[in-house]
């Protein structure tokens, strides 16, 4: 696989799932994908979760890992406009619509098991 956009749920599994097989599949996914991207909204969601569960230092470590291993795609006017269309068409949350828009504009599949994102016909999704 050459490129992919990663949803927040991928990182929830990566950071919090204790299953060894899942951890192995996540490492393999990261290893085999050359162009790995995340919407900047994923940083927000992971930091909020880490702050609630583990505190500020762990949130910083999680953010640092994502920034090191993945290209961060900021929300620009093209993503914002496309996101609004997806939100209107599919009834997505703001975060999901931004992630879907990022995947669509990059022409990359979204790695997610989120049924909301899987419903977006304009993007391809896959899971571990």
Foldseek 3Di string as FASTA:
>chain_A
DAEEEEDLVLVCCCPPPPDPVSVVVSVVVLVVYNAYEYEVVSLVVQLVVCCVPPRDVVSVVSSVVCVVSHHYDYDDPQLVVQLVVLCVVQVDDSRLSSSLSVCLVVVHAYADPDVSSCPDPSHHYDYD
